[in-house]
């Protein structure tokens, strides 16, 4: 019952680097990879590539679970730089030896200078953050916030079973246990700690689960709606556009996942006042509903709104 959500720019950065190093297995990110090709070419990420095998263990000290619900990158990277050297050694050796990591020769060199390696890896993460993630962080963070709001509603409506049954195809909630059917590590008794749930824009299609007793138990899952960051917003069906007007119809279609006024304005290149007016009309007509989460108001389609869309496409 102590489950909580958190967003982490450090996790996003590390996941983005993994996407770059395994792009052929991540078709969702093709447009992003193309857009970042020149920036990525200027980066030296050989150290991170060595410790991020496609199959195997990535050192947890590079992505400590965020302590705050909305972590700051500067705080997170400072934790990486202050990792005890014995932990650095232990986790590097595990990454080298588990499942015949092809980066083993590079990791052998790293083990010769642990303090220098710790700084080098932190520097590589920081350079990747500056070049690949920071410029897009306002858009990325909106997707994460929207996902957290949606999941919070699921938890309210359906409890833990409702939340986890929809979080990822390989997860199931059974008899007070969360079962990850494709995870090969040992079980972890939460022992009252609760579980930290971290949505990730660059996580698709995988789960990352941290069960090492040295860290807070954490599950990183693909954020809902991440694909919209690198693809055009879906166009509304013509019959719906004729009925509501194209802008209002576009916004109704865009309410999947639920979104804030500012996110919809940025996504559709519209003025905030314009979006607010149209959302108010959709709300008054019963096609959309709204819910306040902290300082933000998230709009989502109602069943009636969905039925109108469905009818317009036959």
Protein backbone atom coordinates (compact mmCIF):
# COMPACT_ATOMS: atom_id res chain seq x y z
CA UNK A 1 0.00 0.00 0.00
CA UNK A 2 3.04 2.28 0.02
CA UNK A 3 3.39 2.30 -3.75
CA UNK A 4 4.35 5.71 -5.09
CA UNK A 5 5.30 7.22 -8.43
CA UNK A 6 8.39 9.16 -9.43
CA UNK A 7 9.86 10.75 -12.56
CA UNK A 8 13.61 10.61 -13.13
CA UNK A 9 15.65 12.55 -15.72
CA UNK A 10 18.61 10.27 -14.90
CA UNK A 11 16.64 7.15 -15.82
CA UNK A 12 15.46 8.83 -19.02
CA UNK A 13 19.04 9.68 -19.96
CA UNK A 14 20.35 6.18 -19.37
CA UNK A 15 17.40 4.66 -21.23
CA UNK A 16 17.99 7.00 -24.18
CA UNK A 17 21.63 5.90 -24.37
CA UNK A 18 20.47 2.29 -24.40
CA UNK A 19 18.09 3.10 -27.26
CA UNK A 20 20.97 4.62 -29.24
CA UNK A 21 23.13 1.53 -28.69
CA UNK A 22 20.35 -0.89 -29.65
CA UNK A 23 18.36 1.08 -32.19
CA UNK A 24 17.54 -1.87 -34.46
CA UNK A 25 15.54 -3.41 -31.63
CA UNK A 26 13.59 -0.20 -30.89
CA UNK A 27 11.59 0.79 -33.99
CA UNK A 28 9.41 3.17 -31.97
CA UNK A 29 12.34 5.56 -31.61
CA UNK A 30 13.43 5.74 -35.25
CA UNK A 31 12.37 9.37 -35.69
CA UNK A 32 14.06 10.40 -32.44
CA UNK A 33 17.28 8.63 -33.37
CA UNK A 34 17.29 10.36 -36.75
CA UNK A 35 16.69 13.75 -35.13
CA UNK A 36 19.51 13.24 -32.60
CA UNK A 37 22.02 11.63 -34.97
CA UNK A 38 24.33 14.66 -35.24
CA UNK A 39 24.22 15.40 -31.51
CA UNK A 40 24.88 11.75 -30.64
CA UNK A 41 27.84 11.61 -33.01
CA UNK A 42 29.61 14.23 -30.89
CA UNK A 43 29.35 12.15 -27.72
CA UNK A 44 31.83 9.60 -26.37
CA UNK A 45 29.62 7.01 -24.67
CA UNK A 46 31.89 3.98 -24.89
CA UNK A 47 31.91 3.46 -21.14
CA UNK A 48 28.12 3.44 -20.87
CA UNK A 49 27.84 1.13 -23.87
CA UNK A 50 30.15 -1.39 -22.19
CA UNK A 51 28.08 -1.52 -19.01
CA UNK A 52 24.70 -1.58 -20.78
CA UNK A 53 24.65 -4.98 -22.50
CA UNK A 54 21.49 -5.76 -24.42
CA UNK A 55 21.02 -8.83 -22.23
CA UNK A 56 22.62 -8.82 -18.82
CA UNK A 57 23.22 -6.54 -15.85
CA UNK A 58 23.62 -2.77 -15.90
CA UNK A 59 25.15 -1.39 -12.68
CA UNK A 60 22.41 -0.03 -10.44
CA UNK A 61 24.63 2.72 -9.06
CA UNK A 62 24.28 4.50 -12.42
CA UNK A 63 20.50 4.77 -11.92
CA UNK A 64 19.74 4.92 -8.21
CA UNK A 65 15.96 5.00 -7.63
CA UNK A 66 14.87 8.65 -7.30
CA UNK A 67 14.20 9.80 -3.74
CA UNK A 68 11.87 12.62 -4.78
CA UNK A 69 8.67 12.28 -6.79
CA UNK A 70 10.02 14.81 -9.29
CA UNK A 71 13.79 14.34 -9.12
CA UNK A 72 16.26 16.93 -10.43
CA UNK A 73 19.08 15.76 -12.68
CA UNK A 74 21.75 17.64 -10.68
CA UNK A 75 20.69 15.83 -7.51
CA UNK A 76 20.64 12.44 -9.18
CA UNK A 77 24.02 12.74 -10.89
CA UNK A 78 25.56 13.89 -7.59
CA UNK A 79 24.42 10.59 -6.07
CA UNK A 80 26.17 8.70 -8.89
CA UNK A 81 29.40 10.62 -8.27
CA UNK A 82 29.28 9.80 -4.54
CA UNK A 83 28.76 6.05 -4.92
CA UNK A 84 31.07 4.07 -2.59
CA UNK A 85 33.93 2.64 -4.63
CA UNK A 86 33.37 -0.89 -3.32
CA UNK A 87 29.83 -0.78 -4.72
CA UNK A 88 31.24 0.47 -8.04
CA UNK A 89 33.65 -2.49 -8.10
CA UNK A 90 31.03 -5.10 -7.19
CA UNK A 91 28.50 -3.96 -9.77
CA UNK A 92 31.05 -3.55 -12.56
CA UNK A 93 32.26 -7.10 -11.99
CA UNK A 94 28.71 -8.39 -12.10
CA UNK A 95 28.05 -6.49 -15.34
CA UNK A 96 31.26 -7.91 -16.83
CA UNK A 97 30.63 -11.52 -15.86
CA UNK A 98 26.87 -11.92 -16.29
CA UNK A 99 25.79 -13.57 -19.56
CA UNK A 100 29.15 -12.99 -21.29
CA UNK A 101 28.92 -9.21 -21.64
CA UNK A 102 30.71 -8.22 -24.90
CA UNK A 103 31.93 -5.09 -23.09
CA UNK A 104 34.05 -7.19 -20.68
CA UNK A 105 37.47 -6.00 -21.99
CA UNK A 106 36.45 -2.36 -21.49
CA UNK A 107 35.17 -3.10 -17.99
CA UNK A 108 38.50 -4.77 -17.10
CA UNK A 109 40.18 -1.44 -17.83
CA UNK A 110 37.60 0.39 -15.70
CA UNK A 111 38.38 -1.79 -12.70
CA UNK A 112 41.97 -0.54 -12.67
CA UNK A 113 40.88 2.96 -11.60
CA UNK A 114 37.55 2.88 -9.79
CA UNK A 115 37.43 6.54 -8.83
CA UNK A 116 38.33 7.61 -12.35
CA UNK A 117 35.77 5.21 -13.80
CA UNK A 118 33.03 6.54 -11.56
CA UNK A 119 33.76 10.09 -12.76
CA UNK A 120 34.04 9.03 -16.39
CA UNK A 121 30.67 7.27 -16.38
CA UNK A 122 29.02 10.20 -14.60
CA UNK A 123 30.55 12.58 -17.14
CA UNK A 124 29.20 10.47 -20.01
CA UNK A 125 25.72 10.47 -18.46
CA UNK A 126 25.85 14.23 -17.97
CA UNK A 127 26.96 14.89 -21.55
CA UNK A 128 24.15 12.64 -22.82
CA UNK A 129 21.64 14.54 -20.65
CA UNK A 130 22.77 17.90 -22.02
CA UNK A 131 22.75 16.81 -25.67
CA UNK A 132 19.90 14.31 -25.89
CA UNK A 133 17.36 14.85 -23.11
CA UNK A 134 17.56 18.32 -21.57
CA UNK A 135 16.41 20.21 -24.71
CA UNK A 136 13.25 18.04 -24.84
CA UNK A 137 12.70 17.67 -21.10
CA UNK A 138 9.62 19.96 -20.94
CA UNK A 139 7.86 17.73 -23.50
CA UNK A 140 9.14 14.49 -21.99
CA UNK A 141 8.13 15.47 -18.48
CA UNK A 142 4.60 16.28 -19.66
CA UNK A 143 4.22 12.73 -20.97
CA UNK A 144 5.49 11.38 -17.64
CA UNK A 145 3.10 13.60 -15.68
CA UNK A 146 0.19 12.54 -17.87
CA UNK A 147 1.06 8.88 -17.34
CA UNK A 148 1.29 9.30 -13.57
CA UNK A 149 -2.10 11.04 -13.50
CA UNK A 150 -3.65 8.23 -15.56
CA UNK A 151 -2.13 5.51 -13.37
CA UNK A 152 -3.27 7.32 -10.25
CA UNK A 153 -6.82 7.24 -11.56
CA UNK A 154 -6.48 3.52 -12.27
CA UNK A 155 -5.31 2.94 -8.71
CA UNK A 156 -8.28 4.93 -7.40
CA UNK A 157 -10.81 3.11 -9.57
CA UNK A 158 -9.49 -0.46 -9.47
CA UNK A 159 -6.94 -0.75 -6.68
CA UNK A 160 -3.60 -2.46 -7.16
CA UNK A 161 -5.09 -5.11 -9.45
CA UNK A 162 -6.48 -2.42 -11.73
CA UNK A 163 -3.17 -0.60 -11.78
CA UNK A 164 -0.85 -3.54 -12.43
CA UNK A 165 -3.06 -5.46 -14.85
CA UNK A 166 -2.70 -2.57 -17.32
CA UNK A 167 0.87 -1.50 -16.57
CA UNK A 168 2.69 -4.05 -18.73
CA UNK A 169 1.73 -7.35 -20.45
CA UNK A 170 4.22 -9.29 -18.34
CA UNK A 171 2.87 -8.10 -14.97
CA UNK A 172 0.04 -9.52 -12.90
CA UNK A 173 -1.26 -8.89 -9.39
CA UNK A 174 -2.14 -12.14 -7.60
CA UNK A 175 -2.86 -12.68 -3.92
CA UNK A 176 -0.87 -9.70 -2.66
CA UNK A 177 2.05 -10.49 -4.94
CA UNK A 178 3.22 -8.68 -8.05
CA UNK A 179 4.31 -11.32 -10.57
CA UNK A 180 6.75 -10.40 -13.36
CA UNK A 181 6.53 -13.42 -15.63
CA UNK A 182 9.69 -12.76 -17.65
CA UNK A 183 11.96 -11.60 -14.85
CA UNK A 184 14.72 -14.00 -13.90
CA UNK A 185 16.09 -12.52 -10.66
CA UNK A 186 15.21 -13.56 -7.13
CA UNK A 187 12.00 -12.56 -5.38
CA UNK A 188 11.93 -9.45 -3.21
CA UNK A 189 9.84 -9.07 -0.08
CA UNK A 190 8.85 -5.41 0.09
CA UNK A 191 8.67 -5.68 3.89
CA UNK A 192 6.63 -2.51 4.22
CA UNK A 193 8.85 -0.42 1.93
CA UNK A 194 6.37 -0.19 -0.89
CA UNK A 195 7.26 -0.09 -4.57
CA UNK A 196 8.53 2.90 -6.52
CA UNK A 197 6.93 3.10 -9.98
CA UNK A 198 8.85 5.12 -12.57
CA UNK A 199 7.36 5.74 -16.04
CA UNK A 200 9.91 5.97 -18.83
CA UNK A 201 9.53 7.57 -22.24
CA UNK A 202 12.49 5.52 -23.52
CA UNK A 203 11.58 2.31 -21.69
CA UNK A 204 9.38 0.69 -24.37
CA UNK A 205 8.86 -2.24 -24.68
CA UNK A 206 10.71 -3.43 -21.58
CA UNK A 207 10.43 -3.43 -17.81
CA UNK A 208 13.37 -2.68 -15.55
CA UNK A 209 13.07 -4.01 -12.01
CA UNK A 210 15.48 -3.18 -9.18
CA UNK A 211 15.39 -5.82 -6.42
CA UNK A 212 18.88 -5.45 -4.94
CA UNK A 213 18.39 -4.99 -1.17
CA UNK A 214 20.80 -2.04 -1.27
CA UNK A 215 18.21 -0.01 -3.22
CA UNK A 216 14.57 0.86 -2.81
CA UNK A 217 12.50 -1.66 -4.79
CA UNK A 218 11.73 -0.01 -8.13
CA UNK A 219 9.89 -0.81 -11.34
CA UNK A 220 10.51 1.24 -14.49
CA UNK A 221 7.81 0.76 -17.13
CA UNK A 222 6.97 2.28 -20.55
CA UNK A 223 5.09 5.55 -20.20
CA UNK A 224 1.71 5.61 -21.88
CA UNK A 225 1.62 7.92 -24.90
CA UNK A 226 5.40 8.11 -25.39
CA UNK A 227 5.09 7.58 -29.14
CA UNK A 228 3.31 10.90 -29.57
CA UNK A 229 6.58 12.74 -28.87
CA UNK A 230 8.04 11.73 -32.23
CA UNK A 231 5.00 11.39 -34.42
CA UNK A 232 2.35 13.77 -35.63
CA UNK A 233 -0.82 13.96 -33.60
CA UNK A 234 -3.55 11.75 -35.10
CA UNK A 235 -5.90 13.65 -37.39
CA UNK A 236 -9.57 13.60 -36.41
CA UNK A 237 -11.96 11.71 -38.72
CA UNK A 238 -13.60 14.05 -41.24
CA UNK A 239 -17.17 13.39 -40.00
CA UNK A 240 -16.06 14.32 -36.47
CA UNK A 241 -14.34 17.47 -37.73
CA UNK A 242 -17.51 18.52 -39.56
CA UNK A 243 -19.55 17.98 -36.41
CA UNK A 244 -17.30 19.69 -33.84
CA UNK A 245 -14.95 21.80 -35.93
CA UNK A 246 -11.45 20.59 -36.75
CA UNK A 247 -9.62 22.08 -33.76
CA UNK A 248 -12.14 20.82 -31.20
CA UNK A 249 -12.23 17.39 -32.85
CA UNK A 250 -8.42 17.27 -32.84
CA UNK A 251 -8.34 17.95 -29.12
CA UNK A 252 -10.95 15.30 -28.39
CA UNK A 253 -8.91 12.71 -30.31
CA UNK A 254 -5.73 13.87 -28.53
CA UNK A 255 -7.14 13.06 -25.08
CA UNK A 256 -5.53 9.64 -25.16
CA UNK A 257 -3.80 9.53 -22.78
CA UNK A 258 -5.32 12.20 -20.52
CA UNK A 259 -3.54 15.52 -20.90
CA UNK A 260 -3.25 19.02 -19.48
CA UNK A 261 -4.15 22.24 -21.28
CA UNK A 262 -0.48 23.21 -21.59
CA UNK A 263 0.51 19.80 -22.99
CA UNK A 264 -2.23 19.94 -25.62
CA UNK A 265 -1.28 23.50 -26.55
CA UNK A 266 2.35 22.49 -27.10
CA UNK A 267 1.44 19.29 -28.93
CA UNK A 268 -0.89 21.05 -31.36
CA UNK A 269 0.85 24.43 -31.58
CA UNK A 270 -2.17 26.29 -30.21
CA UNK A 271 -2.59 29.15 -27.76
CA UNK A 272 -3.39 28.17 -24.19
CA UNK A 273 -6.57 30.27 -24.23
CA UNK A 274 -7.76 28.55 -27.39
CA UNK A 275 -7.22 25.08 -25.95
CA UNK A 276 -8.86 26.05 -22.66
CA UNK A 277 -11.95 27.32 -24.48
CA UNK A 278 -12.34 24.14 -26.54
CA UNK A 279 -11.75 21.85 -23.57
CA UNK A 280 -14.37 23.75 -21.61
CA UNK A 281 -16.86 23.19 -24.44
CA UNK A 282 -16.04 19.45 -24.58
CA UNK A 283 -16.44 19.25 -20.81
CA UNK A 284 -19.80 21.06 -20.85
CA UNK A 285 -21.04 18.73 -23.60
CA UNK A 286 -20.11 15.63 -21.59
CA UNK A 287 -17.44 14.50 -24.07
CA UNK A 288 -14.55 15.09 -21.67
CA UNK A 289 -14.05 15.07 -17.93
CA UNK A 290 -11.35 16.68 -15.80
CA UNK A 291 -9.50 15.88 -12.62
CA UNK A 292 -7.08 17.97 -10.57
CA UNK A 293 -3.76 16.37 -9.64
CA UNK A 294 -1.67 18.71 -7.51
CA UNK A 295 -1.41 21.97 -9.41
CA UNK A 296 -2.48 20.46 -12.73
CA UNK A 297 -5.84 19.64 -14.28
CA UNK A 298 -5.92 16.61 -16.57
CA UNK A 299 -8.68 16.18 -19.16
CA UNK A 300 -9.74 12.78 -20.45
CA UNK A 301 -12.41 11.50 -22.82
CA UNK A 302 -15.63 10.21 -21.34
CA UNK A 303 -17.37 7.08 -22.60
CA UNK A 304 -19.68 9.38 -24.56
CA UNK A 305 -16.68 11.13 -26.13
CA UNK A 306 -15.20 7.78 -27.12
CA UNK A 307 -18.53 6.66 -28.57
CA UNK A 308 -18.70 9.81 -30.72
CA UNK A 309 -15.21 9.10 -32.09
CA UNK A 310 -16.06 5.44 -32.70
CA UNK A 311 -19.26 6.36 -34.53
CA UNK A 312 -17.44 8.84 -36.76
CA UNK A 313 -15.11 6.11 -38.03
CA UNK A 314 -17.86 3.54 -38.43
